[in-house]
Amino acid sequence: MILLTGGAGYIGLHTAAVLIEAGQQVVLFDNFSNSKPLAVKRLEAIVGRAVPCVEGDVRSRADMDGLFDQHPVNAVIHFAGLKAVGESANQPLRYYDNNVAGTLVLLAAMQRAEVRRFVFSSSACVYGEPDVSPIPESAALRPANTYGRTKLMVEEILRDLHVAAPGWSIALLRYFNPVGAHPGGQIGEDPNGIPNNLMPFVTQVAVGRLPELQVFGGDYPTPDGSGVRDYIHVMDLAEGHRAALDWALRDPQEVLTANLGTGRGYSVLELVRAFEKASGKPIPHRIVARRAGDVPAYWGDPSLARQRLGWTARRTLDDICRDAWNWQRRNPQGFA
């Protein structure tokens, strides 16, 4: 059985769908701080079976030990974490507590349960402002924000753990900007409150939940002045996690670091135009000041993931916008 911490969240749900359809048994663990129980019901409708979901806090030893006592877990995909760049600058202690301390509690529970196959949801934020794009895994690690520093700190903890306990098989997956939705439209990105990420903000403007999109920064050294990112379809990302899990289950007893990206960047304004085309809806937008901790442009070199995991992103920006719009138009209030 595969444990997905943060499994009721955006990426966790889509990964669970991919794993179940591949024949895996999964158990989800979530505190529902940025997800909703109804999302799990939607997942069950997609896969046609009940999906166990345990509510709890990854920072709680009692919750984690109880989970491993009750379920025959043999591998973990760790999604649980706070992830808003701007918020992390204002609430650093909360981010270190949840993202770093929570991971320590989880790893200690895994040690006690003798579970040593681990896939970590890291981030391209560990690179900070790169010297060159596409960014290889060997690039300098100099995160420009608190969120990225929490991810890098966990990566370093995992490398130290492997030195001390080389029987662990650990995949560190650095990815960029997940977007899109399940093609059936039953599940998608539905953050609580005002979205921190671009695509749900765009889709909520399109259905009238928000009046306009704020584009953070219009004076970056990019072709149109807006930030450039590697937008990856969430289904491609979910398949990348399945590939990393398959790798870990072969028990290679090493630490593998891999970018999951498309290998090219799109600007914020390019994405807005592509979404307007897919939806037939105008997206009113306004350029505002840059956001603390953001960098002008970055996208990843995914060639190592192709070589080591046999994975490559297959879906296009048009696919991303089509599926994101299909989700939002079918669910104008999200999971509410």
C-alpha atoms as a PDB file:
ATOM      1  CA  MET A   1       0.000   0.000   0.000  1.00  0.00           C
ATOM      2  CA  ILE A   2       1.216   3.492  -0.919  1.00  0.00           C
ATOM      3  CA  LEU A   3       0.760   6.370   1.535  1.00  0.00           C
ATOM      4  CA  LEU A   4       0.175   9.804   0.020  1.00  0.00           C
ATOM      5  CA  THR A   5       0.566  12.543   2.628  1.00  0.00           C
ATOM      6  CA  GLY A   6      -1.378  15.590   1.522  1.00  0.00           C
ATOM      7  CA  GLY A   7      -3.198  13.108  -0.662  1.00  0.00           C
ATOM      8  CA  ALA A   8      -6.461  15.064  -0.803  1.00  0.00           C
ATOM      9  CA  GLY A   9      -4.669  18.084  -2.265  1.00  0.00           C
ATOM     10  CA  TYR A  10      -4.387  19.085  -5.892  1.00  0.00           C
ATOM     11  CA  ILE A  11      -1.363  17.019  -6.942  1.00  0.00           C
ATOM     12  CA  GLY A  12      -2.096  14.236  -4.454  1.00  0.00           C
ATOM     13  CA  LEU A  13      -5.570  13.567  -5.884  1.00  0.00           C
ATOM     14  CA  HIS A  14      -4.343  13.333  -9.457  1.00  0.00           C
ATOM     15  CA  THR A  15      -1.422  11.122  -8.447  1.00  0.00           C
ATOM     16  CA  ALA A  16      -3.770   8.861  -6.498  1.00  0.00           C
ATOM     17  CA  ALA A  17      -5.963   8.503  -9.596  1.00  0.00           C
ATOM     18  CA  VAL A  18      -2.958   7.526 -11.722  1.00  0.00           C
ATOM     19  CA  LEU A  19      -1.656   5.045  -9.121  1.00  0.00           C
ATOM     20  CA  ILE A  20      -5.028   3.367  -8.591  1.00  0.00           C
ATOM     21  CA  GLU A  21      -5.581   3.044 -12.315  1.00  0.00           C
ATOM     22  CA  ALA A  22      -2.130   1.391 -12.489  1.00  0.00           C
ATOM     23  CA  GLY A  23      -3.248  -1.199  -9.906  1.00  0.00           C
ATOM     24  CA  GLN A  24      -1.769   0.255  -6.715  1.00  0.00           C
ATOM     25  CA  GLN A  25      -3.549   0.326  -3.355  1.00  0.00           C
ATOM     26  CA  VAL A  26      -3.307   3.756  -1.749  1.00  0.00           C
ATOM     27  CA  VAL A  27      -4.181   5.455   1.523  1.00  0.00           C
ATOM     28  CA  LEU A  28      -4.511   9.243   1.685  1.00  0.00           C
ATOM     29  CA  PHE A  29      -3.526  11.333   4.703  1.00  0.00           C
ATOM     30  CA  ASP A  30      -4.543  14.990   4.952  1.00  0.00           C
ATOM     31  CA  ASN A  31      -5.449  17.671   7.472  1.00  0.00           C
ATOM     32  CA  PHE A  32      -7.719  19.436   4.939  1.00  0.00           C
ATOM     33  CA  SER A  33      -6.100  22.818   5.577  1.00  0.00           C
ATOM     34  CA  ASN A  34      -6.065  23.483   1.824  1.00  0.00           C
ATOM     35  CA  SER A  35      -8.238  20.661   0.514  1.00  0.00           C
ATOM     36  CA  LYS A  36     -11.770  19.340   0.921  1.00  0.00           C
ATOM     37  CA  PRO A  37     -13.248  15.942   1.859  1.00  0.00           C
ATOM     38  CA  LEU A  38     -15.602  16.124  -1.132  1.00  0.00           C
ATOM     39  CA  ALA A  39     -12.549  15.937  -3.393  1.00  0.00           C
ATOM     40  CA  VAL A  40     -11.899  12.405  -2.123  1.00  0.00           C
ATOM     41  CA  LYS A  41     -15.471  11.439  -3.069  1.00  0.00           C
ATOM     42  CA  ARG A  42     -14.820  12.752  -6.563  1.00  0.00           C
ATOM     43  CA  LEU A  43     -11.656  10.663  -6.740  1.00  0.00           C
ATOM     44  CA  GLU A  44     -13.652   7.588  -5.710  1.00  0.00           C
ATOM     45  CA  ALA A  45     -16.123   8.297  -8.525  1.00  0.00           C
ATOM     46  CA  ILE A  46     -13.258   8.440 -11.031  1.00  0.00           C
ATOM     47  CA  VAL A  47     -11.615   5.179  -9.947  1.00  0.00           C
ATOM     48  CA  GLY A  48     -14.833   3.329  -9.111  1.00  0.00           C
ATOM     49  CA  ARG A  49     -13.859   2.232  -5.609  1.00  0.00           C
ATOM     50  CA  ALA A  50     -13.520   3.456  -2.048  1.00  0.00           C
ATOM     51  CA  VAL A  51     -10.245   5.216  -1.274  1.00  0.00           C
ATOM     52  CA  PRO A  52      -9.204   5.223   2.394  1.00  0.00           C
ATOM     53  CA  CYS A  53      -8.435   8.711   3.675  1.00  0.00           C
ATOM     54  CA  VAL A  54      -7.170   9.409   7.189  1.00  0.00           C
ATOM     55  CA  GLU A  55      -7.530  12.904   8.630  1.00  0.00           C
ATOM     56  CA  GLY A  56      -4.579  13.997  10.734  1.00  0.00           C
ATOM     57  CA  ASP A  57      -1.532  16.213  11.068  1.00  0.00           C
ATOM     58  CA  VAL A  58       1.840  15.172   9.694  1.00  0.00           C
ATOM     59  CA  ARG A  59       3.448  16.941  12.667  1.00  0.00           C
ATOM     60  CA  SER A  60       1.722  14.589  15.134  1.00  0.00           C
ATOM     61  CA  ARG A  61       3.697  11.499  16.161  1.00  0.00           C
ATOM     62  CA  ALA A  62       0.498   9.859  17.396  1.00  0.00           C
ATOM     63  CA  ASP A  63      -1.243  10.449  14.069  1.00  0.00           C
ATOM     64  CA  MET A  64       1.686   9.141  12.035  1.00  0.00           C
ATOM     65  CA  ASP A  65       2.356   6.080  14.190  1.00  0.00           C
ATOM     66  CA  GLY A  66      -1.341   5.267  14.207  1.00  0.00           C
ATOM     67  CA  LEU A  67      -1.445   5.446  10.430  1.00  0.00           C
ATOM     68  CA  PHE A  68       1.436   2.999  10.001  1.00  0.00           C
ATOM     69  CA  ASP A  69      -0.058   0.707  12.650  1.00  0.00           C
ATOM     70  CA  GLN A  70      -3.399   0.559  10.850  1.00  0.00           C
ATOM     71  CA  HIS A  71      -2.297   0.326   7.208  1.00  0.00           C
ATOM     72  CA  PRO A  72       0.297  -1.959   5.557  1.00  0.00           C
ATOM     73  CA  VAL A  73       2.284   0.868   3.987  1.00  0.00           C
ATOM     74  CA  ASN A  74       5.380  -0.080   1.998  1.00  0.00           C
ATOM     75  CA  ALA A  75       6.192   3.271   0.347  1.00  0.00           C
ATOM     76  CA  VAL A  76       5.411   6.957   0.877  1.00  0.00           C
ATOM     77  CA  ILE A  77       4.868   9.873  -1.497  1.00  0.00           C
ATOM     78  CA  HIS A  78       5.166  13.027   0.596  1.00  0.00           C
ATOM     79  CA  PHE A  79       3.080  15.954  -0.681  1.00  0.00           C
ATOM     80  CA  ALA A  80       1.963  17.453   2.646  1.00  0.00           C
ATOM     81  CA  GLY A  81       3.302  20.979   2.918  1.00  0.00           C
ATOM     82  CA  LEU A  82       2.542  24.664   2.685  1.00  0.00           C
ATOM     83  CA  LYS A  83       3.465  26.071  -0.699  1.00  0.00           C
ATOM     84  CA  ALA A  84       2.705  29.778  -1.206  1.00  0.00           C
ATOM     85  CA  VAL A  85       5.871  31.754  -1.950  1.00  0.00           C
ATOM     86  CA  GLY A  86       4.556  35.130  -0.793  1.00  0.00           C
ATOM     87  CA  GLU A  87       2.928  33.727   2.330  1.00  0.00           C
ATOM     88  CA  SER A  88       6.144  31.935   3.272  1.00  0.00           C
ATOM     89  CA  ALA A  89       7.943  35.274   3.463  1.00  0.00           C
ATOM     90  CA  ASN A  90       5.388  36.564   5.958  1.00  0.00           C
ATOM     91  CA  GLN A  91       4.995  33.358   7.976  1.00  0.00           C
ATOM     92  CA  PRO A  92       8.434  31.691   8.015  1.00  0.00           C
ATOM     93  CA  LEU A  93       8.010  29.897  11.351  1.00  0.00           C
ATOM     94  CA  ARG A  94       4.757  28.322  10.182  1.00  0.00           C
ATOM     95  CA  TYR A  95       6.456  27.117   6.999  1.00  0.00           C
ATOM     96  CA  TYR A  96       9.467  25.627   8.769  1.00  0.00           C
ATOM     97  CA  ASP A  97       7.209  23.977  11.339  1.00  0.00           C
ATOM     98  CA  ASN A  98       4.937  22.375   8.771  1.00  0.00           C
ATOM     99  CA  ASN A  99       7.325  21.596   5.929  1.00  0.00           C
ATOM    100  CA  VAL A 100      10.493  20.689   7.838  1.00  0.00           C
ATOM    101  CA  ALA A 101       9.362  19.585  11.295  1.00  0.00           C
ATOM    102  CA  GLY A 102       6.422  17.709   9.788  1.00  0.00           C
ATOM    103  CA  THR A 103       8.729  15.793   7.474  1.00  0.00           C
ATOM    104  CA  LEU A 104      10.972  14.846  10.408  1.00  0.00           C
ATOM    105  CA  VAL A 105       7.987  13.383  12.271  1.00  0.00           C
ATOM    106  CA  LEU A 106       6.982  11.424   9.167  1.00  0.00           C
ATOM    107  CA  LEU A 107      10.494  10.061   8.576  1.00  0.00           C
ATOM    108  CA  ALA A 108      10.820   8.982  12.213  1.00  0.00           C
ATOM    109  CA  ALA A 109       7.496   7.147  11.952  1.00  0.00           C
ATOM    110  CA  MET A 110       8.713   5.462   8.771  1.00  0.00           C
ATOM    111  CA  GLN A 111      11.887   4.370  10.554  1.00  0.00           C
ATOM    112  CA  ARG A 112       9.860   2.815  13.357  1.00  0.00           C
ATOM    113  CA  ALA A 113       7.615   1.062  10.829  1.00  0.00           C
ATOM    114  CA  GLU A 114      10.631  -0.068   8.741  1.00  0.00           C
ATOM    115  CA  VAL A 115       9.326   1.640   5.602  1.00  0.00           C
ATOM    116  CA  ARG A 116      12.241   2.972   3.550  1.00  0.00           C
ATOM    117  CA  ARG A 117      10.900   3.857   0.097  1.00  0.00           C
ATOM    118  CA  PHE A 118      10.225   7.549  -0.180  1.00  0.00           C
ATOM    119  CA  VAL A 119       9.256   9.977  -2.955  1.00  0.00           C
ATOM    120  CA  PHE A 120       9.534  13.630  -1.953  1.00  0.00           C
ATOM    121  CA  SER A 121       7.561  16.440  -3.545  1.00  0.00           C
ATOM    122  CA  SER A 122      10.309  19.047  -3.735  1.00  0.00           C
ATOM    123  CA  SER A 123      10.318  22.184  -5.860  1.00  0.00           C
ATOM    124  CA  ALA A 124      12.239  24.028  -8.526  1.00  0.00           C
ATOM    125  CA  CYS A 125      12.295  26.881  -6.006  1.00  0.00           C
ATOM    126  CA  VAL A 126      15.438  25.255  -4.580  1.00  0.00           C
ATOM    127  CA  TYR A 127      17.332  26.716  -7.558  1.00  0.00           C
ATOM    128  CA  GLY A 128      16.381  30.345  -6.958  1.00  0.00           C
ATOM    129  CA  GLU A 129      17.360  32.607  -9.847  1.00  0.00           C
ATOM    130  CA  PRO A 130      19.272  30.311 -12.203  1.00  0.00           C
ATOM    131  CA  ASP A 131      22.376  31.124 -14.182  1.00  0.00           C
ATOM    132  CA  VAL A 132      20.876  29.434 -17.233  1.00  0.00           C
ATOM    133  CA  SER A 133      17.650  27.809 -18.384  1.00  0.00           C
ATOM    134  CA  PRO A 134      16.835  25.005 -18.912  1.00  0.00           C
ATOM    135  CA  ILE A 135      18.060  24.225 -15.413  1.00  0.00           C
ATOM    136  CA  PRO A 136      19.907  20.935 -14.836  1.00  0.00           C
ATOM    137  CA  GLU A 137      19.820  19.129 -11.498  1.00  0.00           C
ATOM    138  CA  SER A 138      23.493  20.048 -11.035  1.00  0.00           C
ATOM    139  CA  ALA A 139      22.695  23.791 -10.957  1.00  0.00           C
ATOM    140  CA  ALA A 140      23.537  25.849  -7.887  1.00  0.00           C
ATOM    141  CA  LEU A 141      20.983  25.636  -5.077  1.00  0.00           C
ATOM    142  CA  ARG A 142      20.217  29.117  -3.749  1.00  0.00           C
ATOM    143  CA  PRO A 143      16.481  29.445  -3.063  1.00  0.00           C
ATOM    144  CA  ALA A 144      15.178  33.002  -3.109  1.00  0.00           C
ATOM    145  CA  ASN A 145      12.303  32.513  -0.676  1.00  0.00           C
ATOM    146  CA  THR A 146      11.375  30.765   2.558  1.00  0.00           C
ATOM    147  CA  TYR A 147       9.276  28.133   0.810  1.00  0.00           C
ATOM    148  CA  GLY A 148      12.215  27.111  -1.359  1.00  0.00           C
ATOM    149  CA  ARG A 149      14.520  27.006   1.660  1.00  0.00           C
ATOM    150  CA  THR A 150      12.159  24.609   3.463  1.00  0.00           C
ATOM    151  CA  LYS A 151      12.231  22.281   0.460  1.00  0.00           C
ATOM    152  CA  LEU A 152      16.020  22.413   0.209  1.00  0.00           C
ATOM    153  CA  MET A 153      16.355  21.763   3.938  1.00  0.00           C
ATOM    154  CA  VAL A 154      14.245  18.607   3.599  1.00  0.00           C
ATOM    155  CA  GLU A 155      16.346  17.476   0.623  1.00  0.00           C
ATOM    156  CA  GLU A 156      19.482  17.842   2.766  1.00  0.00           C
ATOM    157  CA  ILE A 157      17.873  15.933   5.630  1.00  0.00           C
ATOM    158  CA  LEU A 158      17.034  13.100   3.254  1.00  0.00           C
ATOM    159  CA  ARG A 159      20.590  12.954   1.905  1.00  0.00           C
ATOM    160  CA  ASP A 160      21.972  12.830   5.452  1.00  0.00           C
ATOM    161  CA  LEU A 161      19.463  10.116   6.328  1.00  0.00           C
ATOM    162  CA  HIS A 162      20.616   8.014   3.398  1.00  0.00           C
ATOM    163  CA  VAL A 163      24.261   8.337   4.458  1.00  0.00           C
ATOM    164  CA  ALA A 164      23.345   7.070   7.917  1.00  0.00           C
ATOM    165  CA  ALA A 165      20.844   4.465   6.669  1.00  0.00           C
ATOM    166  CA  PRO A 166      21.814   3.473   3.117  1.00  0.00           C
ATOM    167  CA  GLY A 167      18.931   0.991   2.849  1.00  0.00           C
ATOM    168  CA  TRP A 168      16.573   3.843   1.983  1.00  0.00           C
ATOM    169  CA  SER A 169      15.457   4.432  -1.622  1.00  0.00           C
ATOM    170  CA  ILE A 170      14.677   8.141  -2.022  1.00  0.00           C
ATOM    171  CA  ALA A 171      13.504  10.150  -5.032  1.00  0.00           C
ATOM    172  CA  LEU A 172      13.662  13.951  -4.828  1.00  0.00           C
ATOM    173  CA  LEU A 173      11.348  15.392  -7.473  1.00  0.00           C
ATOM    174  CA  ARG A 174      11.866  19.054  -8.314  1.00  0.00           C
ATOM    175  CA  TYR A 175       9.023  20.455 -10.343  1.00  0.00           C
ATOM    176  CA  PHE A 176       7.900  23.765 -11.537  1.00  0.00           C
ATOM    177  CA  ASN A 177       4.311  25.027 -12.007  1.00  0.00           C
ATOM    178  CA  PRO A 178       1.613  22.325 -11.968  1.00  0.00           C
ATOM    179  CA  VAL A 179      -1.532  23.365 -13.826  1.00  0.00           C
ATOM    180  CA  GLY A 180      -4.518  21.809 -15.580  1.00  0.00           C
ATOM    181  CA  ALA A 181      -6.933  19.202 -14.284  1.00  0.00           C
ATOM    182  CA  HIS A 182      -8.129  15.630 -14.747  1.00  0.00           C
ATOM    183  CA  PRO A 183      -9.627  15.411 -18.259  1.00  0.00           C
ATOM    184  CA  GLY A 184     -12.955  14.182 -16.871  1.00  0.00           C
ATOM    185  CA  GLY A 185     -13.478  17.473 -15.054  1.00  0.00           C
ATOM    186  CA  GLN A 186     -14.338  15.899 -11.688  1.00  0.00           C
ATOM    187  CA  ILE A 187     -11.188  17.029  -9.875  1.00  0.00           C
ATOM    188  CA  GLY A 188      -8.950  20.055 -10.293  1.00  0.00           C
ATOM    189  CA  GLU A 189      -7.252  22.840  -8.374  1.00  0.00           C
ATOM    190  CA  ASP A 190      -9.551  24.468  -5.807  1.00  0.00           C
ATOM    191  CA  PRO A 191      -7.517  26.382  -3.216  1.00  0.00           C
ATOM    192  CA  ASN A 192      -9.115  27.876  -0.145  1.00  0.00           C
ATOM    193  CA  GLY A 193      -9.511  31.651  -0.235  1.00  0.00           C
ATOM    194  CA  ILE A 194      -7.816  33.826  -2.847  1.00  0.00           C
ATOM    195  CA  PRO A 195      -5.586  31.618  -5.028  1.00  0.00           C
ATOM    196  CA  ASN A 196      -1.821  31.992  -4.674  1.00  0.00           C
ATOM    197  CA  ASN A 197      -1.142  30.217  -7.972  1.00  0.00           C
ATOM    198  CA  LEU A 198      -1.754  31.602 -11.449  1.00  0.00           C
ATOM    199  CA  MET A 199      -4.058  29.093 -13.118  1.00  0.00           C
ATOM    200  CA  PRO A 200      -6.810  28.872 -10.476  1.00  0.00           C
ATOM    201  CA  PHE A 201      -6.800  32.665 -10.363  1.00  0.00           C
ATOM    202  CA  VAL A 202      -7.274  32.767 -14.155  1.00  0.00           C
ATOM    203  CA  THR A 203     -10.051  30.171 -14.117  1.00  0.00           C
ATOM    204  CA  GLN A 204     -11.896  31.912 -11.275  1.00  0.00           C
ATOM    205  CA  VAL A 205     -11.785  35.193 -13.201  1.00  0.00           C
ATOM    206  CA  ALA A 206     -13.205  33.342 -16.214  1.00  0.00           C
ATOM    207  CA  VAL A 207     -16.252  32.118 -14.261  1.00  0.00           C
ATOM    208  CA  GLY A 208     -16.778  35.424 -12.476  1.00  0.00           C
ATOM    209  CA  ARG A 209     -15.645  34.437  -8.985  1.00  0.00           C
ATOM    210  CA  LEU A 210     -12.893  37.065  -9.140  1.00  0.00           C
ATOM    211  CA  PRO A 211     -13.051  40.391 -11.012  1.00  0.00           C
ATOM    212  CA  GLU A 212      -9.595  40.454 -12.565  1.00  0.00           C
ATOM    213  CA  LEU A 213      -6.180  38.796 -12.619  1.00  0.00           C
ATOM    214  CA  GLN A 214      -3.250  40.539 -10.999  1.00  0.00           C
ATOM    215  CA  VAL A 215      -0.036  39.887 -12.921  1.00  0.00           C
ATOM    216  CA  PHE A 216       2.835  40.248 -10.470  1.00  0.00           C
ATOM    217  CA  GLY A 217       5.511  42.172 -12.348  1.00  0.00           C
ATOM    218  CA  GLY A 218       5.527  43.554 -15.866  1.00  0.00           C
ATOM    219  CA  ASP A 219       9.116  44.739 -15.994  1.00  0.00           C
ATOM    220  CA  TYR A 220      11.063  41.483 -15.844  1.00  0.00           C
ATOM    221  CA  PRO A 221      13.820  40.970 -18.462  1.00  0.00           C
ATOM    222  CA  THR A 222      11.559  38.655 -20.493  1.00  0.00           C
ATOM    223  CA  PRO A 223      10.010  39.103 -23.972  1.00  0.00           C
ATOM    224  CA  ASP A 224       6.749  40.588 -22.649  1.00  0.00           C
ATOM    225  CA  GLY A 225       7.880  41.686 -19.166  1.00  0.00           C
ATOM    226  CA  SER A 226       5.915  39.039 -17.279  1.00  0.00           C
ATOM    227  CA  GLY A 227       7.506  36.118 -15.454  1.00  0.00           C
ATOM    228  CA  VAL A 228       8.347  32.977 -17.416  1.00  0.00           C
ATOM    229  CA  ARG A 229       7.688  29.554 -15.899  1.00  0.00           C
ATOM    230  CA  ASP A 230       7.683  25.869 -16.802  1.00  0.00           C
ATOM    231  CA  TYR A 231       3.959  25.025 -16.709  1.00  0.00           C
ATOM    232  CA  ILE A 232       3.404  21.274 -16.465  1.00  0.00           C
ATOM    233  CA  HIS A 233       0.069  19.493 -16.759  1.00  0.00           C
ATOM    234  CA  VAL A 234      -0.874  17.937 -13.431  1.00  0.00           C
ATOM    235  CA  MET A 235      -1.553  14.591 -15.144  1.00  0.00           C
ATOM    236  CA  ASP A 236       1.994  14.556 -16.547  1.00  0.00           C
ATOM    237  CA  LEU A 237       3.222  15.383 -13.056  1.00  0.00           C
ATOM    238  CA  ALA A 238       1.143  12.571 -11.546  1.00  0.00           C
ATOM    239  CA  GLU A 239       2.621  10.143 -14.052  1.00  0.00           C
ATOM    240  CA  GLY A 240       6.082  11.380 -13.075  1.00  0.00           C
ATOM    241  CA  HIS A 241       5.352  10.467  -9.458  1.00  0.00           C
ATOM    242  CA  ARG A 242       4.186   7.039 -10.542  1.00  0.00           C
ATOM    243  CA  ALA A 243       7.450   6.570 -12.444  1.00  0.00           C
ATOM    244  CA  ALA A 244       9.460   7.656  -9.392  1.00  0.00           C
ATOM    245  CA  LEU A 245       7.460   5.295  -7.172  1.00  0.00           C
ATOM    246  CA  ASP A 246       8.089   2.403  -9.569  1.00  0.00           C
ATOM    247  CA  TRP A 247      11.788   3.262  -9.387  1.00  0.00           C
ATOM    248  CA  ALA A 248      11.751   3.330  -5.568  1.00  0.00           C
ATOM    249  CA  LEU A 249       9.847   0.044  -5.360  1.00  0.00           C
ATOM    250  CA  ARG A 250      12.660  -1.617  -7.284  1.00  0.00           C
ATOM    251  CA  ASP A 251      14.681  -0.789  -4.125  1.00  0.00           C
ATOM    252  CA  PRO A 252      17.765   0.823  -5.696  1.00  0.00           C
ATOM    253  CA  GLN A 253      18.915   2.071  -2.253  1.00  0.00           C
ATOM    254  CA  GLU A 254      20.131   5.430  -3.502  1.00  0.00           C
ATOM    255  CA  VAL A 255      19.010   9.058  -3.646  1.00  0.00           C
ATOM    256  CA  LEU A 256      17.809  10.171  -7.072  1.00  0.00           C
ATOM    257  CA  THR A 257      17.202  13.861  -7.801  1.00  0.00           C
ATOM    258  CA  ALA A 258      15.162  14.622 -10.915  1.00  0.00           C
ATOM    259  CA  ASN A 259      13.425  17.606 -12.495  1.00  0.00           C
ATOM    260  CA  LEU A 260       9.862  17.058 -13.649  1.00  0.00           C
ATOM    261  CA  GLY A 261       9.207  19.704 -16.273  1.00  0.00           C
ATOM    262  CA  THR A 262       8.475  20.273 -19.926  1.00  0.00           C
ATOM    263  CA  GLY A 263      11.839  21.730 -20.898  1.00  0.00           C
ATOM    264  CA  ARG A 264      10.434  25.089 -22.023  1.00  0.00           C
ATOM    265  CA  GLY A 265       8.974  28.218 -20.461  1.00  0.00           C
ATOM    266  CA  TYR A 266       5.849  30.272 -21.066  1.00  0.00           C
ATOM    267  CA  SER A 267       5.191  33.762 -19.775  1.00  0.00           C
ATOM    268  CA  VAL A 268       2.214  34.642 -17.602  1.00  0.00           C
ATOM    269  CA  LEU A 269       0.714  36.654 -20.444  1.00  0.00           C
ATOM    270  CA  GLU A 270       1.225  33.797 -22.913  1.00  0.00           C
ATOM    271  CA  LEU A 271      -0.698  31.510 -20.586  1.00  0.00           C
ATOM    272  CA  VAL A 272      -3.475  34.087 -20.246  1.00  0.00           C
ATOM    273  CA  ARG A 273      -3.819  34.347 -24.022  1.00  0.00           C
ATOM    274  CA  ALA A 274      -3.859  30.549 -24.391  1.00  0.00           C
ATOM    275  CA  PHE A 275      -6.568  30.283 -21.749  1.00  0.00           C
ATOM    276  CA  GLU A 276      -8.668  32.975 -23.452  1.00  0.00           C
ATOM    277  CA  LYS A 277      -8.453  30.939 -26.655  1.00  0.00           C
ATOM    278  CA  ALA A 278      -9.401  27.665 -24.937  1.00  0.00           C
ATOM    279  CA  SER A 279     -12.282  29.141 -22.951  1.00  0.00           C
ATOM    280  CA  GLY A 280     -13.597  31.803 -25.294  1.00  0.00           C
ATOM    281  CA  LYS A 281     -13.624  34.110 -22.266  1.00  0.00           C
ATOM    282  CA  PRO A 282     -11.720  37.396 -21.867  1.00  0.00           C
ATOM    283  CA  ILE A 283      -9.464  37.499 -18.798  1.00  0.00           C
ATOM    284  CA  PRO A 284      -9.296  41.049 -17.467  1.00  0.00           C
ATOM    285  CA  HIS A 285      -5.849  41.565 -15.989  1.00  0.00           C
ATOM    286  CA  ARG A 286      -3.731  44.283 -14.457  1.00  0.00           C
ATOM    287  CA  ILE A 287       0.034  44.510 -13.969  1.00  0.00           C
ATOM    288  CA  VAL A 288       0.965  45.066 -10.316  1.00  0.00           C
ATOM    289  CA  ALA A 289       4.227  45.153  -8.366  1.00  0.00           C
ATOM    290  CA  ARG A 290       6.526  42.154  -8.318  1.00  0.00           C
ATOM    291  CA  ARG A 291       5.935  39.601  -5.574  1.00  0.00           C
ATOM    292  CA  ALA A 292       8.642  39.073  -2.953  1.00  0.00           C
ATOM    293  CA  GLY A 293      10.746  35.988  -3.646  1.00  0.00           C
ATOM    294  CA  ASP A 294       9.793  35.570  -7.310  1.00  0.00           C
ATOM    295  CA  VAL A 295      12.441  35.270 -10.017  1.00  0.00           C
ATOM    296  CA  PRO A 296      12.155  36.481 -13.635  1.00  0.00           C
ATOM    297  CA  ALA A 297      12.327  33.202 -15.546  1.00  0.00           C
ATOM    298  CA  TYR A 298      13.090  29.565 -15.101  1.00  0.00           C
ATOM    299  CA  TRP A 299      12.309  26.238 -16.652  1.00  0.00           C
ATOM    300  CA  GLY A 300      13.827  22.844 -16.195  1.00  0.00           C
ATOM    301  CA  ASP A 301      15.916  20.342 -18.087  1.00  0.00           C
ATOM    302  CA  PRO A 302      13.897  17.100 -17.771  1.00  0.00           C
ATOM    303  CA  SER A 303      16.362  14.845 -19.598  1.00  0.00           C
ATOM    304  CA  LEU A 304      17.523  13.020 -16.450  1.00  0.00           C
ATOM    305  CA  ALA A 305      13.948  12.005 -15.599  1.00  0.00           C
ATOM    306  CA  ARG A 306      13.614  10.652 -19.120  1.00  0.00           C
ATOM    307  CA  GLN A 307      16.838   8.646 -18.791  1.00  0.00           C
ATOM    308  CA  ARG A 308      16.394   7.328 -15.235  1.00  0.00           C
ATOM    309  CA  LEU A 309      12.610   7.130 -14.844  1.00  0.00           C
ATOM    310  CA  GLY A 310      11.474   6.644 -18.436  1.00  0.00           C
ATOM    311  CA  TRP A 311       9.187   9.660 -18.038  1.00  0.00           C
ATOM    312  CA  THR A 312       8.519  12.671 -20.210  1.00  0.00           C
ATOM    313  CA  ALA A 313       5.804  15.345 -20.189  1.00  0.00           C
ATOM    314  CA  ARG A 314       3.418  14.768 -23.099  1.00  0.00           C
ATOM    315  CA  ARG A 315       0.673  17.389 -22.756  1.00  0.00           C
ATOM    316  CA  THR A 316       0.737  20.865 -24.325  1.00  0.00           C
ATOM    317  CA  LEU A 317      -0.198  24.335 -23.084  1.00  0.00           C
ATOM    318  CA  ASP A 318      -3.427  24.000 -25.081  1.00  0.00           C
ATOM    319  CA  ASP A 319      -4.176  20.709 -23.277  1.00  0.00           C
ATOM    320  CA  ILE A 320      -3.513  22.432 -19.958  1.00  0.00           C
ATOM    321  CA  CYS A 321      -5.891  25.294 -20.673  1.00  0.00           C
ATOM    322  CA  ARG A 322      -8.611  23.042 -22.114  1.00  0.00           C
ATOM    323  CA  ASP A 323      -8.616  20.758 -19.066  1.00  0.00           C
ATOM    324  CA  ALA A 324      -8.386  23.617 -16.558  1.00  0.00           C
ATOM    325  CA  TRP A 325     -11.365  25.323 -18.199  1.00  0.00           C
ATOM    326  CA  ASN A 326     -13.332  22.057 -18.367  1.00  0.00           C
ATOM    327  CA  TRP A 327     -12.840  21.629 -14.616  1.00  0.00           C
ATOM    328  CA  GLN A 328     -13.777  25.193 -13.699  1.00  0.00           C
ATOM    329  CA  ARG A 329     -16.796  25.571 -15.986  1.00  0.00           C
ATOM    330  CA  ARG A 330     -18.221  22.290 -14.668  1.00  0.00           C
ATOM    331  CA  ASN A 331     -17.435  23.327 -11.099  1.00  0.00           C
ATOM    332  CA  PRO A 332     -17.737  27.123 -10.952  1.00  0.00           C
ATOM    333  CA  GLN A 333     -17.598  27.037  -7.133  1.00  0.00           C
ATOM    334  CA  GLY A 334     -14.935  24.343  -7.031  1.00  0.00           C
ATOM    335  CA  PHE A 335     -15.719  21.476  -4.669  1.00  0.00           C
ATOM    336  CA  ALA A 336     -18.256  23.595  -2.752  1.00  0.00           C
END
